[in-house]
Amino acid sequence: MSEYSEIRVDVDSGVATITLHRPDRLNAFTATMARELVAAFDATDADDAIRVVILTGAGRGFCAGADLGRGERSFDADDESRAAERGDFGTVGGAPRDGGGVVSLRMASSLKPVIVAVNGPAVGIGATMTLPADIRIAAASARFGFVFARRGLVPEAASSWFLPRVVGISQAMEWVATGRVFDAEEARSGGLVSRVVPDDELIGTARGLAEEIARNTSAVSVTLSRRLLWSMLGASSPWEAHRLDSAAIRDLGRGADAREGVTSFLEKRPPRFPGRVDEHLGIVPGWPERPEEMT
């Protein structure tokens, strides 16, 4: 893995742990962090030995939101230093791309399942960047806030697409319209996280899930399943799912992973799946990296 300045990446037993690492600033989000997160997901996708990605934060917070070091002009696209810092993000629809969206869309297109372990405050981009993850687990001390309306902004990181699909439109609007910070139990009851665990059990719980995936499942099956589940959220009818399911089952059912899955089950032994993800990606289309209007 590459060297990073604002994140850390550790790989062990098929699990890559990406840690936001600005603990003195509660891991406040910067353009540098955005670039490094994109690079880290590029690296985990390219490494066949990595089966699952865990995203968490260093210290006592997950991410306190955007770094507000520019004061009142922190979000002003006309600020010259801000524009220069983010110029390589490009534009979409004629506007500079939102840095949170650069990260969330890259996470959404990950070939590996993503587990977020929220270890403390997750506010603003700290909350919205978690939405494209497949599983979110919170420590009991975690706090969440979609605080944009209290800052004169709107939710970013493509969260107007992700949040209602994750928690439903009514819950999403309550949290967005009030902009209030809420605790981990409310996040669980609202469907934002799947479980809340004691702080000292958070990483162990996330790793337990990641290792269960890595030990017992086909990498090809998990990647294609991830694509199917996310892409079907916007499908016009179940027939679209049926078409893609049928194509995927035809392709995988005659392959080595399916044979190994059945054989290992009958022989009562752990599976050893030989399939390579890159050999099967054409079955279920992924989201485009850059739509035509994006430069």
Protein backbone atom coordinates (compact mmCIF):
# COMPACT_ATOMS: atom_id res chain seq x y z
CA MET A 1 0.00 0.00 0.00
CA SER A 2 1.09 3.57 -0.68
CA GLU A 3 2.17 6.05 1.95
CA TYR A 4 -0.58 8.38 3.15
CA SER A 5 -0.58 11.50 5.31
CA GLU A 6 -4.21 11.73 6.52
CA ILE A 7 -5.31 8.09 6.51
CA ARG A 8 -3.73 4.80 7.47
CA VAL A 9 -4.21 1.48 5.67
CA ASP A 10 -3.49 -1.88 7.29
CA VAL A 11 -4.04 -5.27 5.66
CA ASP A 12 -4.38 -8.50 7.62
CA SER A 13 -5.98 -11.85 6.76
CA GLY A 14 -7.75 -10.53 3.67
CA VAL A 15 -9.17 -7.46 5.45
CA ALA A 16 -8.01 -3.91 4.71
CA THR A 17 -8.66 -1.40 7.48
CA ILE A 18 -8.68 2.23 6.34
CA THR A 19 -8.43 4.64 9.26
CA LEU A 20 -9.10 8.36 8.96
CA HIS A 21 -6.05 9.76 10.71
CA ARG A 22 -6.26 13.38 11.83
CA PRO A 23 -7.08 12.58 15.47
CA ASP A 24 -6.07 16.04 16.70
CA ARG A 25 -8.87 17.49 14.49
CA LEU A 26 -11.39 14.70 15.09
CA ASN A 27 -10.45 13.47 11.59
CA ALA A 28 -11.96 16.54 9.92
CA PHE A 29 -12.30 16.02 6.18
CA THR A 30 -9.93 17.73 3.72
CA ALA A 31 -9.21 17.58 0.00
CA THR A 32 -6.07 15.59 0.81
CA MET A 33 -8.10 13.06 2.76
CA ALA A 34 -10.51 12.78 -0.18
CA ARG A 35 -7.68 12.00 -2.60
CA GLU A 36 -6.12 9.50 -0.23
CA LEU A 37 -9.42 7.68 0.32
CA VAL A 38 -9.93 7.38 -3.43
CA ALA A 39 -6.37 6.07 -3.81
CA ALA A 40 -6.93 3.58 -0.98
CA PHE A 41 -10.08 2.18 -2.61
CA ASP A 42 -8.22 1.96 -5.91
CA ALA A 43 -5.55 -0.08 -4.13
CA THR A 44 -7.97 -2.41 -2.35
CA ASP A 45 -9.82 -3.08 -5.60
CA ALA A 46 -6.55 -3.96 -7.34
CA ASP A 47 -5.44 -6.46 -4.68
CA ASP A 48 -7.13 -9.87 -5.09
CA ALA A 49 -5.96 -10.87 -1.61
CA ILE A 50 -8.16 -8.21 -0.03
CA ARG A 51 -11.73 -9.41 0.41
CA VAL A 52 -13.30 -6.77 2.69
CA VAL A 53 -12.63 -3.12 3.58
CA ILE A 54 -13.26 -1.65 7.03
CA LEU A 55 -13.41 2.14 7.37
CA THR A 56 -13.01 3.73 10.81
CA GLY A 57 -11.48 6.75 12.54
CA ALA A 58 -8.46 7.31 14.76
CA GLY A 59 -8.83 8.58 18.29
CA ARG A 60 -12.15 9.57 19.84
CA GLY A 61 -14.01 10.53 16.68
CA PHE A 62 -14.91 9.07 13.32
CA CYS A 63 -15.07 12.36 11.38
CA ALA A 64 -16.25 15.72 12.70
CA GLY A 65 -17.15 16.95 9.22
CA ALA A 66 -15.36 19.28 6.83
CA ASP A 67 -12.28 21.12 8.05
CA LEU A 68 -13.44 24.70 8.66
CA GLY A 69 -9.98 26.23 8.63
CA ARG A 70 -11.01 28.89 6.10
CA GLY A 71 -13.65 30.22 8.44
CA GLU A 72 -16.73 31.75 6.82
CA ARG A 73 -15.38 30.97 3.33
CA SER A 74 -14.83 27.28 4.06
CA PHE A 75 -17.42 26.25 1.46
CA ASP A 76 -17.01 29.16 -0.99
CA ALA A 77 -16.13 27.76 -4.44
CA ASP A 78 -14.90 31.24 -5.44
CA ASP A 79 -12.22 31.20 -2.76
CA GLU A 80 -9.02 30.98 -4.79
CA SER A 81 -7.11 28.73 -2.42
CA ARG A 82 -10.06 26.35 -2.11
CA ALA A 83 -10.49 26.21 -5.89
CA ALA A 84 -6.79 25.54 -6.42
CA GLU A 85 -6.77 22.83 -3.78
CA ARG A 86 -9.65 20.96 -5.43
CA GLY A 87 -9.08 21.73 -9.09
CA ASP A 88 -8.20 18.13 -9.95
CA PHE A 89 -11.65 16.96 -8.78
CA GLY A 90 -13.12 18.30 -12.02
CA THR A 91 -16.65 19.57 -12.58
CA VAL A 92 -20.11 18.10 -13.02
CA GLY A 93 -22.98 19.96 -14.63
CA GLY A 94 -20.74 23.01 -14.82
CA ALA A 95 -20.11 23.17 -11.04
CA PRO A 96 -16.96 22.11 -9.19
CA ARG A 97 -17.35 18.56 -7.95
CA ASP A 98 -18.16 18.19 -4.28
CA GLY A 99 -15.23 16.47 -2.57
CA GLY A 100 -17.53 14.34 -0.44
CA GLY A 101 -19.16 13.06 -3.59
CA VAL A 102 -15.77 12.16 -5.05
CA VAL A 103 -15.26 9.86 -2.07
CA SER A 104 -18.77 8.47 -1.73
CA LEU A 105 -19.05 7.57 -5.41
CA ARG A 106 -15.67 5.86 -5.31
CA MET A 107 -16.77 3.88 -2.27
CA ALA A 108 -20.02 3.00 -4.01
CA SER A 109 -18.10 1.52 -6.93
CA SER A 110 -15.82 -0.58 -4.69
CA LEU A 111 -15.41 -4.18 -5.81
CA LYS A 112 -15.05 -5.23 -2.18
CA PRO A 113 -17.77 -4.99 0.49
CA VAL A 114 -17.29 -2.05 2.85
CA ILE A 115 -17.97 -2.09 6.59
CA VAL A 116 -17.91 1.23 8.47
CA ALA A 117 -17.08 1.11 12.17
CA VAL A 118 -18.24 4.47 13.57
CA ASN A 119 -16.11 5.02 16.66
CA GLY A 120 -17.32 8.48 17.73
CA PRO A 121 -18.84 11.67 16.28
CA ALA A 122 -19.79 11.37 12.59
CA VAL A 123 -21.11 14.74 11.48
CA GLY A 124 -21.65 16.30 8.04
CA ILE A 125 -19.41 14.50 5.58
CA GLY A 126 -18.53 12.23 8.50
CA ALA A 127 -22.10 10.92 8.30
CA THR A 128 -22.71 11.11 4.56
CA MET A 129 -19.51 9.32 3.55
CA THR A 130 -20.72 6.22 5.38
CA LEU A 131 -23.90 5.85 3.32
CA PRO A 132 -22.45 3.91 0.35
CA ALA A 133 -21.01 1.32 2.74
CA ASP A 134 -22.71 -2.06 2.90
CA ILE A 135 -22.71 -2.40 6.68
CA ARG A 136 -22.50 0.33 9.34
CA ILE A 137 -21.78 -0.51 12.97
CA ALA A 138 -21.66 2.12 15.71
CA ALA A 139 -19.90 2.30 19.03
CA ALA A 140 -22.20 3.24 21.90
CA SER A 141 -20.47 6.64 22.09
CA ALA A 142 -21.05 7.44 18.41
CA ARG A 143 -23.03 10.51 17.45
CA PHE A 144 -24.43 11.41 14.03
CA GLY A 145 -25.58 14.64 12.44
CA PHE A 146 -26.71 15.71 8.99
CA VAL A 147 -26.12 19.30 10.03
CA PHE A 148 -26.08 21.03 6.64
CA ALA A 149 -29.23 23.13 7.11
CA ARG A 150 -27.64 24.59 10.24
CA ARG A 151 -24.67 25.70 8.13
CA GLY A 152 -26.69 27.16 5.25
CA LEU A 153 -25.93 24.21 2.97
CA VAL A 154 -27.57 21.10 1.55
CA PRO A 155 -26.46 17.50 2.08
CA GLU A 156 -23.54 16.50 -0.14
CA ALA A 157 -21.68 13.31 -1.07
CA ALA A 158 -24.65 12.19 -3.20
CA SER A 159 -26.48 11.62 0.09
CA SER A 160 -29.78 12.90 -1.32
CA TRP A 161 -29.71 9.64 -3.30
CA PHE A 162 -28.24 7.35 -0.66
CA LEU A 163 -29.89 8.49 2.58
CA PRO A 164 -33.58 7.98 1.66
CA ARG A 165 -32.72 4.57 0.22
CA VAL A 166 -30.92 3.55 3.41
CA VAL A 167 -33.42 4.87 6.00
CA GLY A 168 -36.56 5.94 4.09
CA ILE A 169 -37.65 9.42 3.07
CA SER A 170 -39.46 10.36 6.30
CA GLN A 171 -36.55 9.52 8.57
CA ALA A 172 -34.10 11.11 6.15
CA MET A 173 -36.06 14.37 6.08
CA GLU A 174 -36.39 14.51 9.85
CA TRP A 175 -32.65 14.28 10.31
CA VAL A 176 -31.82 16.62 7.42
CA ALA A 177 -34.48 19.26 8.16
CA THR A 178 -33.62 19.53 11.85
CA GLY A 179 -29.88 19.19 11.38
CA ARG A 180 -29.66 17.91 14.93
CA VAL A 181 -27.04 15.54 16.30
CA PHE A 182 -28.43 12.23 17.52
CA ASP A 183 -27.07 9.22 19.36
CA ALA A 184 -26.17 5.71 18.26
CA GLU A 185 -29.41 4.13 19.47
CA GLU A 186 -31.47 6.55 17.39
CA ALA A 187 -29.23 5.76 14.42
CA ARG A 188 -29.93 2.05 14.94
CA SER A 189 -33.69 2.45 15.37
CA GLY A 190 -33.79 4.66 12.27
CA GLY A 191 -31.92 2.10 10.17
CA LEU A 192 -28.71 4.09 9.70
CA VAL A 193 -26.62 1.47 11.49
CA SER A 194 -27.32 -2.24 11.86
CA ARG A 195 -26.08 -2.57 15.42
CA VAL A 196 -24.61 -0.68 18.35
CA VAL A 197 -21.85 -2.27 20.41
CA PRO A 198 -19.74 -1.23 23.41
CA ASP A 199 -16.89 1.02 22.36
CA ASP A 200 -14.22 -1.56 23.15
CA GLU A 201 -15.97 -4.19 21.01
CA LEU A 202 -16.40 -2.08 17.87
CA ILE A 203 -13.34 -3.05 15.84
CA GLY A 204 -13.54 -6.66 16.96
CA THR A 205 -17.15 -6.84 15.82
CA ALA A 206 -16.31 -5.29 12.45
CA ARG A 207 -13.35 -7.61 11.98
CA GLY A 208 -15.46 -10.61 12.94
CA LEU A 209 -17.93 -9.80 10.17
CA ALA A 210 -15.15 -9.10 7.69
CA GLU A 211 -13.36 -12.36 8.46
CA GLU A 212 -16.58 -14.34 8.18
CA ILE A 213 -16.98 -12.96 4.65
CA ALA A 214 -13.33 -13.53 3.77
CA ARG A 215 -13.23 -17.13 5.04
CA ASN A 216 -16.53 -18.49 3.79
CA THR A 217 -17.62 -16.77 0.59
CA SER A 218 -16.70 -16.46 -3.06
CA ALA A 219 -15.15 -13.09 -3.89
CA VAL A 220 -16.92 -13.16 -7.26
CA SER A 221 -20.29 -13.89 -5.66
CA VAL A 222 -19.96 -11.10 -3.09
CA THR A 223 -18.88 -8.50 -5.65
CA LEU A 224 -21.69 -9.32 -8.07
CA SER A 225 -24.22 -9.51 -5.22
CA ARG A 226 -23.13 -6.06 -4.05
CA ARG A 227 -23.63 -4.67 -7.54
CA LEU A 228 -27.02 -6.33 -7.89
CA LEU A 229 -28.40 -5.11 -4.58
CA TRP A 230 -27.27 -1.51 -4.98
CA SER A 231 -28.14 -1.16 -8.65
CA MET A 232 -31.60 -2.63 -8.21
CA LEU A 233 -32.52 0.16 -5.78
CA GLY A 234 -33.19 2.29 -8.84
CA ALA A 235 -34.67 -0.37 -11.12
CA SER A 236 -38.10 0.28 -12.58
CA SER A 237 -39.40 -3.24 -11.91
CA PRO A 238 -38.37 -6.65 -10.53
CA TRP A 239 -38.06 -7.86 -14.13
CA GLU A 240 -34.78 -5.96 -14.41
CA ALA A 241 -33.49 -7.84 -11.38
CA HIS A 242 -34.75 -11.11 -12.87
CA ARG A 243 -32.86 -10.45 -16.10
CA LEU A 244 -29.57 -9.78 -14.32
CA ASP A 245 -30.07 -12.59 -11.76
CA SER A 246 -30.63 -15.06 -14.57
CA ALA A 247 -27.53 -13.94 -16.48
CA ALA A 248 -25.37 -14.09 -13.35
CA ILE A 249 -26.63 -17.53 -12.32
CA ARG A 250 -26.05 -18.85 -15.85
CA ASP A 251 -22.46 -17.57 -15.80
CA LEU A 252 -21.54 -18.50 -12.23
CA GLY A 253 -23.47 -21.77 -12.13
CA ARG A 254 -21.20 -23.35 -14.72
CA GLY A 255 -18.03 -21.99 -13.17
CA ALA A 256 -15.37 -23.21 -10.76
CA ASP A 257 -16.67 -21.32 -7.72
CA ALA A 258 -20.11 -22.92 -7.90
CA ARG A 259 -18.55 -26.37 -8.26
CA GLU A 260 -16.29 -25.69 -5.28
CA GLY A 261 -19.17 -24.31 -3.21
CA VAL A 262 -21.21 -27.46 -3.67
CA THR A 263 -18.27 -29.85 -3.33
CA SER A 264 -16.94 -28.25 -0.14
CA PHE A 265 -20.44 -28.36 1.38
CA LEU A 266 -20.86 -32.06 0.54
CA GLU A 267 -17.36 -32.86 1.79
CA LYS A 268 -17.94 -30.82 4.97
CA ARG A 269 -14.77 -28.74 4.58
CA PRO A 270 -13.99 -25.03 4.23
CA PRO A 271 -14.30 -23.77 0.63
CA ARG A 272 -11.35 -22.74 -1.50
CA PHE A 273 -12.90 -20.56 -4.18
CA PRO A 274 -10.58 -20.06 -7.19
CA GLY A 275 -12.62 -17.44 -9.12
CA ARG A 276 -11.25 -14.02 -10.05
CA VAL A 277 -13.53 -11.02 -9.80
CA ASP A 278 -12.17 -9.31 -12.91
CA GLU A 279 -13.20 -12.27 -15.06
CA HIS A 280 -16.91 -11.83 -14.26
CA LEU A 281 -17.53 -8.08 -13.94
CA GLY A 282 -19.29 -7.83 -17.30
CA ILE A 283 -22.28 -9.83 -16.07
CA VAL A 284 -23.62 -7.09 -13.79
CA PRO A 285 -22.76 -3.56 -14.96
CA GLY A 286 -21.26 -1.24 -12.36
CA TRP A 287 -21.99 2.46 -12.01
CA PRO A 288 -20.04 4.62 -14.47
CA GLU A 289 -17.02 6.31 -12.95
CA ARG A 290 -17.64 9.53 -14.87
CA PRO A 291 -20.94 10.36 -16.60
CA GLU A 292 -20.65 12.26 -19.89
CA GLU A 293 -21.31 15.66 -18.32
CA MET A 294 -18.46 15.22 -15.84
CA THR A 295 -15.05 16.69 -16.73
